[in-house]
Amino acid sequence: MSEPSREEAIAILEQGNARLVELLEGVTDDALTRPATIGGGEWSAKDLVGHVAFWEELALGAIRDWRSGQEPAAVVGVDEVNAANQERKRTWPPDQVQRDATQVHERLVAEIRVMDEETWVAPAPAQYARHQSLGVRVGGLTGSTEGPFRHAWAHLPDLQAYVASLR
């Protein structure tokens, strides 16, 4: 199976984001910040929103680096970077986390939209350690075991179960 085109990537990202937003509609700040409610771990729904946004931030950074002729940085120690991001956003109020997530998502979609298909699929320069196209790199950063660009999708079942428990 070939990698998703830019338009397919945008559609996947938008569908996942729309489902996150839909599930969180009407959830109170108290419920958003309640710890240990997502995925059997210590995360709150707010943490989950911040987590998905963080990986979209990394994808934006990869696009920026690629455009400036630098190899996008590899993410080493996923658990550690996730924990550092959670700590960075720990004191942010829920509306700030949600606003940030919306802005990051909109910027990422806009960056992919204005990119030409040639840039999206072009092989990485020979000097890059990872010989992936930019589309593959962005898809990996915003992806999951569900597939490229499907990071939000990987967390939807946990969020859906939590939101259902609130009713």
N, C-alpha and C. Protein backbone atom coordinates (compact mmCIF):
# COMPACT_ATOMS: atom_id res chain seq x y z
N MET A 1 0.84 -1.17 0.00
CA MET A 1 0.00 0.00 0.00
C MET A 1 0.89 1.24 0.00
N SER A 2 0.54 2.22 -0.80
CA SER A 2 1.36 3.43 -0.88
C SER A 2 1.04 4.36 0.28
N GLU A 3 1.96 5.26 0.52
CA GLU A 3 1.77 6.25 1.58
C GLU A 3 0.65 7.20 1.17
N PRO A 4 -0.07 7.74 2.13
CA PRO A 4 -1.14 8.69 1.81
C PRO A 4 -0.62 9.94 1.11
N SER A 5 -1.41 10.44 0.17
CA SER A 5 -1.11 11.72 -0.47
C SER A 5 -1.32 12.82 0.57
N ARG A 6 -0.96 14.03 0.20
CA ARG A 6 -1.19 15.17 1.10
C ARG A 6 -2.67 15.29 1.43
N GLU A 7 -3.52 15.20 0.43
CA GLU A 7 -4.96 15.34 0.66
C GLU A 7 -5.50 14.21 1.54
N GLU A 8 -5.02 13.00 1.32
CA GLU A 8 -5.44 11.88 2.17
C GLU A 8 -4.95 12.09 3.61
N ALA A 9 -3.73 12.57 3.76
CA ALA A 9 -3.18 12.84 5.09
C ALA A 9 -4.01 13.88 5.81
N ILE A 10 -4.36 14.94 5.10
CA ILE A 10 -5.18 15.99 5.70
C ILE A 10 -6.53 15.42 6.13
N ALA A 11 -7.15 14.62 5.27
CA ALA A 11 -8.46 14.04 5.61
C ALA A 11 -8.37 13.17 6.86
N ILE A 12 -7.33 12.36 6.96
CA ILE A 12 -7.16 11.50 8.14
C ILE A 12 -6.96 12.34 9.39
N LEU A 13 -6.07 13.33 9.30
CA LEU A 13 -5.82 14.21 10.45
C LEU A 13 -7.09 14.94 10.87
N GLU A 14 -7.83 15.45 9.90
CA GLU A 14 -9.05 16.20 10.20
C GLU A 14 -10.12 15.30 10.82
N GLN A 15 -10.26 14.09 10.33
CA GLN A 15 -11.26 13.17 10.89
C GLN A 15 -10.93 12.82 12.33
N GLY A 16 -9.68 12.53 12.61
CA GLY A 16 -9.27 12.21 13.97
C GLY A 16 -9.48 13.39 14.91
N ASN A 17 -9.09 14.57 14.46
CA ASN A 17 -9.26 15.77 15.28
C ASN A 17 -10.74 16.05 15.53
N ALA A 18 -11.55 15.92 14.49
CA ALA A 18 -12.99 16.18 14.64
C ALA A 18 -13.60 15.24 15.67
N ARG A 19 -13.16 14.01 15.66
CA ARG A 19 -13.71 13.04 16.63
C ARG A 19 -13.27 13.39 18.05
N LEU A 20 -12.01 13.81 18.23
CA LEU A 20 -11.55 14.26 19.55
C LEU A 20 -12.40 15.43 20.04
N VAL A 21 -12.58 16.42 19.19
CA VAL A 21 -13.34 17.61 19.55
C VAL A 21 -14.78 17.22 19.90
N GLU A 22 -15.36 16.36 19.08
CA GLU A 22 -16.74 15.92 19.31
C GLU A 22 -16.88 15.22 20.66
N LEU A 23 -15.96 14.33 20.97
CA LEU A 23 -16.02 13.61 22.24
C LEU A 23 -15.87 14.54 23.43
N LEU A 24 -15.06 15.57 23.30
CA LEU A 24 -14.80 16.48 24.42
C LEU A 24 -15.84 17.58 24.58
N GLU A 25 -16.73 17.69 23.60
CA GLU A 25 -17.76 18.73 23.66
C GLU A 25 -18.62 18.54 24.91
N GLY A 26 -18.70 19.59 25.71
CA GLY A 26 -19.53 19.55 26.91
C GLY A 26 -18.88 18.92 28.13
N VAL A 27 -17.66 18.42 28.00
CA VAL A 27 -16.96 17.85 29.15
C VAL A 27 -16.46 19.02 30.01
N THR A 28 -16.76 18.97 31.29
CA THR A 28 -16.39 20.06 32.20
C THR A 28 -14.88 20.11 32.43
N ASP A 29 -14.40 21.27 32.88
CA ASP A 29 -12.98 21.39 33.20
C ASP A 29 -12.58 20.39 34.28
N ASP A 30 -13.43 20.17 35.25
CA ASP A 30 -13.14 19.20 36.30
C ASP A 30 -12.93 17.81 35.70
N ALA A 31 -13.82 17.42 34.81
CA ALA A 31 -13.70 16.10 34.18
C ALA A 31 -12.48 16.03 33.26
N LEU A 32 -12.17 17.14 32.58
CA LEU A 32 -11.00 17.17 31.69
C LEU A 32 -9.69 16.98 32.45
N THR A 33 -9.64 17.49 33.68
CA THR A 33 -8.38 17.48 34.44
C THR A 33 -8.30 16.34 35.45
N ARG A 34 -9.34 15.54 35.55
CA ARG A 34 -9.34 14.42 36.51
C ARG A 34 -8.23 13.44 36.11
N PRO A 35 -7.25 13.20 37.01
CA PRO A 35 -6.13 12.31 36.65
C PRO A 35 -6.55 10.85 36.60
N ALA A 36 -5.71 10.07 35.95
CA ALA A 36 -5.85 8.60 35.89
C ALA A 36 -7.19 8.17 35.30
N THR A 37 -7.62 8.85 34.26
CA THR A 37 -8.91 8.52 33.64
C THR A 37 -8.76 8.00 32.22
N ILE A 38 -7.58 8.10 31.65
CA ILE A 38 -7.38 7.72 30.25
C ILE A 38 -6.41 6.54 30.16
N GLY A 39 -6.87 5.49 29.55
CA GLY A 39 -6.01 4.36 29.22
C GLY A 39 -5.41 3.61 30.38
N GLY A 40 -6.02 3.68 31.54
CA GLY A 40 -5.50 2.94 32.68
C GLY A 40 -4.22 3.50 33.25
N GLY A 41 -3.80 4.66 32.79
CA GLY A 41 -2.57 5.28 33.29
C GLY A 41 -2.89 6.47 34.16
N GLU A 42 -1.97 7.41 34.18
CA GLU A 42 -2.12 8.60 35.02
C GLU A 42 -2.70 9.78 34.25
N TRP A 43 -2.92 9.64 32.97
CA TRP A 43 -3.35 10.77 32.15
C TRP A 43 -4.79 11.18 32.41
N SER A 44 -5.00 12.49 32.24
CA SER A 44 -6.34 13.06 32.20
C SER A 44 -6.70 13.27 30.73
N ALA A 45 -7.95 13.62 30.48
CA ALA A 45 -8.36 13.95 29.11
C ALA A 45 -7.57 15.16 28.61
N LYS A 46 -7.31 16.12 29.50
CA LYS A 46 -6.50 17.29 29.14
C LYS A 46 -5.10 16.84 28.71
N ASP A 47 -4.52 15.90 29.43
CA ASP A 47 -3.19 15.38 29.07
C ASP A 47 -3.21 14.75 27.68
N LEU A 48 -4.28 14.03 27.38
CA LEU A 48 -4.40 13.39 26.08
C LEU A 48 -4.44 14.42 24.97
N VAL A 49 -5.22 15.47 25.15
CA VAL A 49 -5.30 16.54 24.14
C VAL A 49 -3.91 17.17 23.96
N GLY A 50 -3.23 17.45 25.04
CA GLY A 50 -1.89 18.02 24.96
C GLY A 50 -0.89 17.08 24.31
N HIS A 51 -1.06 15.79 24.52
CA HIS A 51 -0.19 14.78 23.94
C HIS A 51 -0.32 14.72 22.42
N VAL A 52 -1.55 14.67 21.93
CA VAL A 52 -1.76 14.63 20.48
C VAL A 52 -1.22 15.91 19.84
N ALA A 53 -1.46 17.05 20.48
CA ALA A 53 -0.95 18.32 19.96
C ALA A 53 0.58 18.33 19.93
N PHE A 54 1.21 17.74 20.94
CA PHE A 54 2.67 17.69 21.00
C PHE A 54 3.25 16.99 19.78
N TRP A 55 2.68 15.87 19.39
CA TRP A 55 3.19 15.13 18.25
C TRP A 55 2.93 15.89 16.95
N GLU A 56 1.86 16.66 16.91
CA GLU A 56 1.64 17.53 15.75
C GLU A 56 2.65 18.68 15.75
N GLU A 57 3.05 19.15 16.94
CA GLU A 57 4.12 20.16 17.03
C GLU A 57 5.42 19.59 16.46
N LEU A 58 5.72 18.34 16.81
CA LEU A 58 6.93 17.71 16.29
C LEU A 58 6.88 17.59 14.77
N ALA A 59 5.70 17.29 14.23
CA ALA A 59 5.55 17.21 12.78
C ALA A 59 5.78 18.58 12.14
N LEU A 60 5.26 19.64 12.77
CA LEU A 60 5.52 21.00 12.27
C LEU A 60 7.02 21.30 12.29
N GLY A 61 7.70 20.88 13.34
CA GLY A 61 9.15 21.07 13.42
C GLY A 61 9.88 20.33 12.32
N ALA A 62 9.41 19.13 12.00
CA ALA A 62 10.03 18.35 10.92
C ALA A 62 9.87 19.06 9.58
N ILE A 63 8.69 19.62 9.35
CA ILE A 63 8.45 20.36 8.11
C ILE A 63 9.35 21.59 8.05
N ARG A 64 9.44 22.31 9.17
CA ARG A 64 10.30 23.51 9.23
C ARG A 64 11.76 23.12 8.96
N ASP A 65 12.23 22.06 9.62
CA ASP A 65 13.62 21.63 9.43
C ASP A 65 13.86 21.24 7.97
N TRP A 66 12.95 20.46 7.41
CA TRP A 66 13.09 19.99 6.03
C TRP A 66 13.20 21.18 5.08
N ARG A 67 12.35 22.17 5.29
CA ARG A 67 12.37 23.36 4.42
C ARG A 67 13.65 24.15 4.55
N SER A 68 14.28 24.11 5.72
CA SER A 68 15.52 24.85 5.92
C SER A 68 16.75 24.03 5.55
N GLY A 69 16.53 22.82 5.04
CA GLY A 69 17.64 21.99 4.60
C GLY A 69 18.29 21.18 5.71
N GLN A 70 17.63 21.11 6.85
CA GLN A 70 18.16 20.33 7.97
C GLN A 70 17.38 19.01 8.08
N GLU A 71 18.06 18.00 8.51
CA GLU A 71 17.37 16.73 8.74
C GLU A 71 16.47 16.87 9.96
N PRO A 72 15.19 16.49 9.84
CA PRO A 72 14.33 16.52 11.02
C PRO A 72 14.90 15.64 12.13
N ALA A 73 14.85 16.14 13.33
CA ALA A 73 15.41 15.42 14.48
C ALA A 73 14.65 14.13 14.72
N ALA A 74 15.39 13.11 15.10
CA ALA A 74 14.78 11.84 15.49
C ALA A 74 14.26 11.98 16.91
N VAL A 75 13.16 11.34 17.18
CA VAL A 75 12.61 11.34 18.53
C VAL A 75 13.14 10.11 19.24
N VAL A 76 13.92 10.36 20.28
CA VAL A 76 14.54 9.28 21.04
C VAL A 76 13.93 9.29 22.44
N GLY A 77 13.54 8.13 22.91
CA GLY A 77 12.96 8.05 24.24
C GLY A 77 11.53 8.57 24.27
N VAL A 78 10.66 7.90 23.56
CA VAL A 78 9.28 8.36 23.42
C VAL A 78 8.61 8.56 24.77
N ASP A 79 8.78 7.63 25.69
CA ASP A 79 8.16 7.78 27.01
C ASP A 79 8.68 9.03 27.72
N GLU A 80 9.97 9.29 27.58
CA GLU A 80 10.56 10.45 28.24
C GLU A 80 10.06 11.75 27.63
N VAL A 81 9.98 11.82 26.30
CA VAL A 81 9.50 13.07 25.69
C VAL A 81 8.02 13.27 25.97
N ASN A 82 7.26 12.18 26.01
CA ASN A 82 5.85 12.30 26.39
C ASN A 82 5.70 12.83 27.81
N ALA A 83 6.50 12.30 28.71
CA ALA A 83 6.45 12.74 30.12
C ALA A 83 6.87 14.21 30.24
N ALA A 84 7.90 14.60 29.52
CA ALA A 84 8.35 16.00 29.56
C ALA A 84 7.27 16.93 29.02
N ASN A 85 6.60 16.52 27.96
CA ASN A 85 5.52 17.34 27.43
C ASN A 85 4.36 17.43 28.42
N GLN A 86 4.03 16.32 29.05
CA GLN A 86 2.95 16.33 30.04
C GLN A 86 3.31 17.29 31.18
N GLU A 87 4.54 17.26 31.62
CA GLU A 87 4.98 18.15 32.69
C GLU A 87 4.94 19.62 32.23
N ARG A 88 5.36 19.87 30.99
CA ARG A 88 5.36 21.23 30.44
C ARG A 88 3.95 21.82 30.44
N LYS A 89 2.96 21.00 30.16
CA LYS A 89 1.58 21.49 30.06
C LYS A 89 0.77 21.25 31.34
N ARG A 90 1.41 20.72 32.36
CA ARG A 90 0.70 20.35 33.60
C ARG A 90 -0.09 21.50 34.20
N THR A 91 0.49 22.68 34.23
CA THR A 91 -0.18 23.82 34.88
C THR A 91 -1.07 24.61 33.93
N TRP A 92 -1.08 24.24 32.67
CA TRP A 92 -1.93 24.94 31.72
C TRP A 92 -3.39 24.63 32.02
N PRO A 93 -4.26 25.64 32.02
CA PRO A 93 -5.68 25.36 32.20
C PRO A 93 -6.22 24.62 30.97
N PRO A 94 -7.31 23.89 31.14
CA PRO A 94 -7.86 23.11 30.02
C PRO A 94 -8.13 23.94 28.76
N ASP A 95 -8.64 25.16 28.91
CA ASP A 95 -8.94 25.95 27.72
C ASP A 95 -7.66 26.32 26.97
N GLN A 96 -6.56 26.52 27.68
CA GLN A 96 -5.29 26.82 27.02
C GLN A 96 -4.78 25.60 26.25
N VAL A 97 -4.89 24.41 26.86
CA VAL A 97 -4.46 23.18 26.19
C VAL A 97 -5.30 22.96 24.93
N GLN A 98 -6.60 23.14 25.05
CA GLN A 98 -7.48 22.95 23.90
C GLN A 98 -7.23 24.00 22.82
N ARG A 99 -7.02 25.24 23.20
CA ARG A 99 -6.73 26.31 22.25
C ARG A 99 -5.41 26.03 21.52
N ASP A 100 -4.40 25.62 22.28
CA ASP A 100 -3.10 25.29 21.70
C ASP A 100 -3.25 24.12 20.72
N ALA A 101 -3.99 23.10 21.12
CA ALA A 101 -4.19 21.94 20.25
C ALA A 101 -4.87 22.34 18.95
N THR A 102 -5.85 23.20 19.04
CA THR A 102 -6.56 23.67 17.84
C THR A 102 -5.61 24.44 16.93
N GLN A 103 -4.83 25.33 17.52
CA GLN A 103 -3.91 26.15 16.71
C GLN A 103 -2.83 25.29 16.06
N VAL A 104 -2.26 24.37 16.81
CA VAL A 104 -1.21 23.50 16.26
C VAL A 104 -1.80 22.66 15.13
N HIS A 105 -2.96 22.09 15.36
CA HIS A 105 -3.59 21.26 14.33
C HIS A 105 -3.86 22.07 13.06
N GLU A 106 -4.41 23.25 13.22
CA GLU A 106 -4.70 24.09 12.06
C GLU A 106 -3.44 24.48 11.31
N ARG A 107 -2.35 24.77 12.04
CA ARG A 107 -1.07 25.11 11.38
C ARG A 107 -0.53 23.91 10.61
N LEU A 108 -0.61 22.72 11.22
CA LEU A 108 -0.10 21.53 10.54
C LEU A 108 -0.87 21.26 9.25
N VAL A 109 -2.17 21.30 9.33
CA VAL A 109 -2.99 21.07 8.14
C VAL A 109 -2.68 22.13 7.08
N ALA A 110 -2.54 23.37 7.48
CA ALA A 110 -2.23 24.44 6.54
C ALA A 110 -0.86 24.22 5.88
N GLU A 111 0.12 23.79 6.65
CA GLU A 111 1.46 23.53 6.09
C GLU A 111 1.43 22.40 5.07
N ILE A 112 0.69 21.35 5.39
CA ILE A 112 0.59 20.24 4.45
C ILE A 112 -0.17 20.68 3.20
N ARG A 113 -1.21 21.46 3.39
CA ARG A 113 -2.05 21.91 2.27
C ARG A 113 -1.26 22.75 1.26
N VAL A 114 -0.38 23.64 1.74
CA VAL A 114 0.35 24.52 0.81
C VAL A 114 1.59 23.86 0.20
N MET A 115 1.96 22.72 0.72
CA MET A 115 3.12 22.01 0.21
C MET A 115 2.79 21.38 -1.14
N ASP A 116 3.74 21.37 -2.04
CA ASP A 116 3.46 20.69 -3.31
C ASP A 116 3.72 19.19 -3.14
N GLU A 117 3.07 18.42 -3.98
CA GLU A 117 3.15 16.96 -3.90
C GLU A 117 4.59 16.47 -4.11
N GLU A 118 5.34 17.17 -4.94
CA GLU A 118 6.73 16.79 -5.20
C GLU A 118 7.56 16.83 -3.92
N THR A 119 7.40 17.89 -3.13
CA THR A 119 8.12 18.01 -1.85
C THR A 119 7.67 16.90 -0.90
N TRP A 120 6.38 16.63 -0.88
CA TRP A 120 5.78 15.63 0.01
C TRP A 120 6.39 14.23 -0.20
N VAL A 121 6.61 13.87 -1.46
CA VAL A 121 7.05 12.50 -1.77
C VAL A 121 8.53 12.37 -2.12
N ALA A 122 9.23 13.49 -2.24
CA ALA A 122 10.64 13.44 -2.63
C ALA A 122 11.46 12.66 -1.62
N PRO A 123 12.38 11.85 -2.09
CA PRO A 123 13.25 11.13 -1.16
C PRO A 123 14.10 12.10 -0.35
N ALA A 124 14.45 11.69 0.83
CA ALA A 124 15.31 12.51 1.69
C ALA A 124 16.67 12.67 1.02
N PRO A 125 17.33 13.80 1.27
CA PRO A 125 18.69 13.95 0.76
C PRO A 125 19.58 12.80 1.25
N ALA A 126 20.55 12.45 0.45
CA ALA A 126 21.41 11.30 0.72
C ALA A 126 22.11 11.40 2.08
N GLN A 127 22.42 12.63 2.53
CA GLN A 127 23.15 12.78 3.79
C GLN A 127 22.28 12.55 5.03
N TYR A 128 20.97 12.48 4.88
CA TYR A 128 20.08 12.25 6.02
C TYR A 128 20.20 10.80 6.47
N ALA A 129 20.23 10.59 7.76
CA ALA A 129 20.31 9.23 8.31
C ALA A 129 19.04 8.44 8.01
N ARG A 130 17.91 9.12 8.05
CA ARG A 130 16.63 8.47 7.74
C ARG A 130 16.29 8.80 6.29
N HIS A 131 16.17 7.79 5.51
CA HIS A 131 15.91 8.00 4.08
C HIS A 131 14.41 7.92 3.81
N GLN A 132 13.69 8.81 4.47
CA GLN A 132 12.24 8.87 4.33
C GLN A 132 11.85 10.17 3.65
N SER A 133 10.77 10.10 2.91
CA SER A 133 10.22 11.35 2.36
C SER A 133 9.64 12.17 3.51
N LEU A 134 9.37 13.42 3.24
CA LEU A 134 8.78 14.28 4.26
C LEU A 134 7.40 13.75 4.64
N GLY A 135 6.62 13.29 3.68
CA GLY A 135 5.30 12.75 3.97
C GLY A 135 5.37 11.55 4.90
N VAL A 136 6.34 10.68 4.68
CA VAL A 136 6.51 9.51 5.56
C VAL A 136 6.92 9.97 6.95
N ARG A 137 7.81 10.94 7.02
CA ARG A 137 8.26 11.44 8.33
C ARG A 137 7.10 12.07 9.11
N VAL A 138 6.33 12.93 8.46
CA VAL A 138 5.19 13.57 9.12
C VAL A 138 4.14 12.52 9.49
N GLY A 139 3.93 11.56 8.61
CA GLY A 139 2.98 10.49 8.90
C GLY A 139 3.40 9.64 10.09
N GLY A 140 4.70 9.45 10.24
CA GLY A 140 5.20 8.70 11.39
C GLY A 140 5.04 9.47 12.69
N LEU A 141 5.31 10.75 12.65
CA LEU A 141 5.19 11.57 13.86
C LEU A 141 3.74 11.73 14.30
N THR A 142 2.83 11.73 13.35
CA THR A 142 1.41 11.90 13.68
C THR A 142 0.65 10.59 13.54
N GLY A 143 1.38 9.49 13.53
CA GLY A 143 0.77 8.19 13.33
C GLY A 143 0.77 7.34 14.57
N SER A 144 0.36 6.12 14.37
CA SER A 144 0.29 5.13 15.46
C SER A 144 0.26 3.75 14.82
N THR A 145 0.02 2.75 15.63
CA THR A 145 -0.13 1.40 15.09
C THR A 145 -1.35 1.32 14.17
N GLU A 146 -2.24 2.31 14.27
CA GLU A 146 -3.42 2.39 13.39
C GLU A 146 -3.02 2.81 11.97
N GLY A 147 -1.85 3.42 11.83
CA GLY A 147 -1.37 3.86 10.53
C GLY A 147 -0.87 5.29 10.58
N PRO A 148 -0.27 5.75 9.46
CA PRO A 148 0.23 7.11 9.41
C PRO A 148 -0.91 8.12 9.58
N PHE A 149 -0.61 9.19 10.27
CA PHE A 149 -1.52 10.30 10.51
C PHE A 149 -2.67 9.93 11.45
N ARG A 150 -2.63 8.78 12.06
CA ARG A 150 -3.75 8.29 12.88
C ARG A 150 -3.44 8.28 14.37
N HIS A 151 -2.66 9.23 14.84
CA HIS A 151 -2.33 9.26 16.26
C HIS A 151 -3.59 9.45 17.10
N ALA A 152 -4.42 10.41 16.72
CA ALA A 152 -5.65 10.65 17.48
C ALA A 152 -6.49 9.38 17.54
N TRP A 153 -6.56 8.67 16.43
CA TRP A 153 -7.37 7.45 16.35
C TRP A 153 -6.95 6.42 17.38
N ALA A 154 -5.67 6.35 17.68
CA ALA A 154 -5.18 5.35 18.64
C ALA A 154 -5.71 5.62 20.04
N HIS A 155 -6.04 6.88 20.33
CA HIS A 155 -6.50 7.25 21.67
C HIS A 155 -8.02 7.40 21.78
N LEU A 156 -8.71 7.33 20.67
CA LEU A 156 -10.16 7.53 20.68
C LEU A 156 -10.91 6.51 21.54
N PRO A 157 -10.57 5.22 21.52
CA PRO A 157 -11.32 4.28 22.36
C PRO A 157 -11.23 4.60 23.85
N ASP A 158 -10.05 4.98 24.33
CA ASP A 158 -9.90 5.34 25.75
C ASP A 158 -10.71 6.58 26.08
N LEU A 159 -10.63 7.59 25.20
CA LEU A 159 -11.36 8.81 25.45
C LEU A 159 -12.87 8.56 25.39
N GLN A 160 -13.28 7.77 24.42
CA GLN A 160 -14.71 7.46 24.28
C GLN A 160 -15.21 6.74 25.53
N ALA A 161 -14.45 5.79 26.05
CA ALA A 161 -14.86 5.07 27.26
C ALA A 161 -14.95 6.02 28.45
N TYR A 162 -13.98 6.92 28.57
CA TYR A 162 -14.02 7.87 29.68
C TYR A 162 -15.23 8.79 29.59
N VAL A 163 -15.45 9.35 28.42
CA VAL A 163 -16.58 10.26 28.25
C VAL A 163 -17.89 9.54 28.51
N ALA A 164 -17.99 8.30 28.06
CA ALA A 164 -19.22 7.52 28.30
C ALA A 164 -19.42 7.30 29.81
N SER A 165 -18.32 7.16 30.55
CA SER A 165 -18.43 6.93 32.00
C SER A 165 -18.94 8.17 32.73
N LEU A 166 -18.86 9.33 32.09
CA LEU A 166 -19.31 10.58 32.70
C LEU A 166 -20.83 10.76 32.62
N ARG A 167 -21.44 9.99 31.72
CA ARG A 167 -22.89 10.17 31.49
C ARG A 167 -23.70 9.29 32.40
